[in-house]
C-alpha cells in the first residue's frame, strides 16, 4: 500500500469507524449547525469589540505601511531605515499583543454567552451535536446540510447579555 491509500484508512481508524466489533445502536442523533461568528456579533459587547478593532487598525496600519515601504527597498535601505524596521517591528508586535489581550477580555462574555445559548438551544431542540458552520463547511468536514439544521437565528434569540 502506498501513502495515498493509507491516509483515508488512518482517518477512518482515528475517527473510530474502522472497528470491526459491532456496537449497540443508540438511535439517530440530531446534528445542527450554528454560525458562531454571527452569534458573537449579535452580543451587545460586540460594539466595544468592533470599536477597539477599528482603533487597532487605525493605529497599526500606518506603521505596517511604513514598514513595508522600507522593506521594499531591500538592500538599498539605509542604516537608519534598517534600525527603523527593527523599531517598527517591535512596536507593532507589542501593540498588536496589547490589543489582542484587550479584545480577548472584551470578547470573553460574548463567547461565554454564545456557549450557553448554543448549549441550551441544542438541548431544548434535541440536538446531540452542534458544529460551527464557519469551520465545518470550509474545512470539508461537512459538504451538505439542509437549512433545517441551522440553529443560528434561534441561538441569537436565546442569547443573553
Protein backbone atom coordinates (compact mmCIF):
# COMPACT_ATOMS: atom_id res chain seq x y z
CA UNK A 1 0.00 0.00 0.00
CA UNK A 2 1.19 3.48 -0.71
CA UNK A 3 0.78 6.61 1.43
CA UNK A 4 -2.24 7.85 -0.54
CA UNK A 5 -4.06 4.61 0.22
CA UNK A 6 -3.17 4.70 3.90
CA UNK A 7 -4.28 8.30 4.54
CA UNK A 8 -8.05 7.62 4.29
CA UNK A 9 -7.62 4.48 6.37
CA UNK A 10 -5.83 6.47 9.06
CA UNK A 11 -8.69 8.98 9.16
CA UNK A 12 -11.25 6.18 9.41
CA UNK A 13 -9.29 4.48 12.18
CA UNK A 14 -8.74 7.75 14.05
CA UNK A 15 -12.45 8.52 13.98
CA UNK A 16 -13.30 5.06 15.24
CA UNK A 17 -15.11 3.94 12.12
CA UNK A 18 -12.62 1.17 11.39
CA UNK A 19 -13.60 -1.10 14.25
CA UNK A 20 -14.97 -4.48 13.27
CA UNK A 21 -16.57 -5.01 16.68
CA UNK A 22 -20.32 -4.42 16.47
CA UNK A 23 -21.66 -1.64 18.66
CA UNK A 24 -25.12 -1.20 20.11
CA UNK A 25 -27.21 1.21 18.07
CA UNK A 26 -28.23 4.28 20.03
CA UNK A 27 -30.75 5.76 17.65
CA UNK A 28 -30.45 8.71 15.35
CA UNK A 29 -28.54 11.69 16.62
CA UNK A 30 -29.53 15.17 15.51
CA UNK A 31 -26.67 17.29 14.25
CA UNK A 32 -27.06 21.03 13.98
CA UNK A 33 -25.02 23.96 12.83
CA UNK A 34 -24.50 27.45 14.19
CA UNK A 35 -22.62 30.36 12.71
CA UNK A 36 -20.75 31.19 15.92
CA UNK A 37 -19.29 34.39 14.46
CA UNK A 38 -22.80 35.72 13.82
CA UNK A 39 -23.88 34.78 17.33
CA UNK A 40 -20.95 36.64 18.87
CA UNK A 41 -21.61 39.64 16.60
CA UNK A 42 -25.19 39.72 17.94
CA UNK A 43 -23.96 40.07 21.54
CA UNK A 44 -24.12 43.63 22.97
CA UNK A 45 -20.37 43.64 23.73
CA UNK A 46 -19.62 43.34 20.02
CA UNK A 47 -19.94 47.12 19.67
CA UNK A 48 -17.00 47.59 22.04
CA UNK A 49 -15.02 44.85 20.33
CA UNK A 50 -15.59 46.39 16.90
CA UNK A 51 -14.60 49.85 18.16
CA UNK A 52 -11.38 48.51 19.66
CA UNK A 53 -10.57 46.62 16.45
CA UNK A 54 -11.09 49.83 14.46
CA UNK A 55 -8.80 51.71 16.85
CA UNK A 56 -6.16 49.00 16.45
CA UNK A 57 -6.41 49.16 12.67
CA UNK A 58 -6.16 52.96 12.65
CA UNK A 59 -3.07 52.87 14.84
CA UNK A 60 -1.23 49.92 13.33
CA UNK A 61 -2.00 50.20 9.61
CA UNK A 62 0.19 53.32 9.05
CA UNK A 63 3.08 51.64 10.87
CA UNK A 64 2.68 48.46 8.82
CA UNK A 65 2.60 50.52 5.61
CA UNK A 66 5.75 52.35 6.64
CA UNK A 67 7.44 49.05 7.49
CA UNK A 68 6.53 47.56 4.11
CA UNK A 69 7.77 50.66 2.34
CA UNK A 70 11.19 50.39 3.97
CA UNK A 71 11.34 46.62 3.45
CA UNK A 72 10.55 47.12 -0.25
CA UNK A 73 13.85 48.97 -0.60
CA UNK A 74 15.64 45.76 0.32
CA UNK A 75 19.40 46.15 0.36
CA UNK A 76 19.02 49.79 -0.74
CA UNK A 77 17.65 50.75 2.70
CA UNK A 78 19.89 53.00 4.75
CA UNK A 79 21.24 52.01 8.15
CA UNK A 80 18.78 54.39 9.80
CA UNK A 81 15.92 52.79 7.88
CA UNK A 82 17.09 49.32 8.94
CA UNK A 83 17.05 50.49 12.57
CA UNK A 84 13.59 51.91 11.97
CA UNK A 85 12.47 48.48 10.68
CA UNK A 86 13.55 46.92 13.96
CA UNK A 87 11.80 49.62 16.00
CA UNK A 88 8.62 49.42 13.94
CA UNK A 89 8.54 45.63 14.14
CA UNK A 90 8.93 45.70 17.90
CA UNK A 91 6.30 48.42 18.31
CA UNK A 92 3.79 46.69 16.01
CA UNK A 93 4.22 43.35 17.78
CA UNK A 94 3.86 44.93 21.22
CA UNK A 95 0.78 46.97 20.31
CA UNK A 96 -0.79 44.02 18.50
CA UNK A 97 -0.30 41.86 21.60
CA UNK A 98 -1.85 44.56 23.82
CA UNK A 99 -4.84 44.96 21.53
CA UNK A 100 -5.31 41.18 21.25
CA UNK A 101 -5.39 40.87 25.05
CA UNK A 102 -7.91 43.71 25.33
CA UNK A 103 -10.09 42.22 22.60
CA UNK A 104 -9.99 38.80 24.26
CA UNK A 105 -11.12 40.34 27.55
CA UNK A 106 -13.99 42.13 25.81
CA UNK A 107 -14.94 39.01 23.85
CA UNK A 108 -14.95 36.64 26.83
CA UNK A 109 -18.51 37.49 27.98
CA UNK A 110 -19.83 37.21 24.41
CA UNK A 111 -18.15 33.84 23.94
CA UNK A 112 -19.48 32.56 27.27
CA UNK A 113 -23.00 33.80 26.46
CA UNK A 114 -22.81 32.22 22.99
CA UNK A 115 -21.76 28.90 24.53
CA UNK A 116 -24.70 28.96 26.96
CA UNK A 117 -27.17 29.93 24.21
CA UNK A 118 -25.88 27.21 21.88
CA UNK A 119 -25.99 24.56 24.60
CA UNK A 120 -29.47 25.46 25.83
CA UNK A 121 -30.89 25.70 22.30
CA UNK A 122 -29.36 22.37 21.31
CA UNK A 123 -30.71 20.63 24.42
CA UNK A 124 -34.17 22.19 24.04
CA UNK A 125 -34.42 21.05 20.43
CA UNK A 126 -32.90 17.60 20.95
CA UNK A 127 -29.63 18.10 19.10
CA UNK A 128 -26.75 15.95 20.30
CA UNK A 129 -24.04 17.60 18.21
CA UNK A 130 -23.63 21.23 17.16
CA UNK A 131 -20.90 22.26 14.73
CA UNK A 132 -19.65 25.72 13.85
CA UNK A 133 -20.82 26.28 10.28
CA UNK A 134 -17.88 28.63 9.70
CA UNK A 135 -15.47 25.77 10.33
CA UNK A 136 -17.40 22.70 9.18
CA UNK A 137 -18.21 23.88 5.66
CA UNK A 138 -14.88 25.41 4.54
CA UNK A 139 -12.86 22.57 6.04
CA UNK A 140 -14.79 20.00 4.04
CA UNK A 141 -15.85 18.29 7.25
CA UNK A 142 -19.46 18.76 6.14
CA UNK A 143 -20.28 19.04 2.47
CA UNK A 144 -24.06 19.24 2.76
CA UNK A 145 -26.60 20.07 5.44
CA UNK A 146 -30.13 21.25 4.78
CA UNK A 147 -31.36 24.58 6.18
CA UNK A 148 -33.37 22.93 8.95
CA UNK A 149 -30.13 22.08 10.75
CA UNK A 150 -29.04 25.74 11.07
CA UNK A 151 -29.84 26.99 14.57
CA UNK A 152 -28.12 30.38 14.28
CA UNK A 153 -31.28 32.53 14.37
CA UNK A 154 -32.72 30.61 17.31
CA UNK A 155 -29.44 30.79 19.23
CA UNK A 156 -29.29 34.55 18.66
CA UNK A 157 -32.84 34.87 20.04
CA UNK A 158 -31.73 32.90 23.12
CA UNK A 159 -28.55 34.94 23.57
CA UNK A 160 -28.44 36.71 26.91
CA UNK A 161 -26.10 39.66 27.54
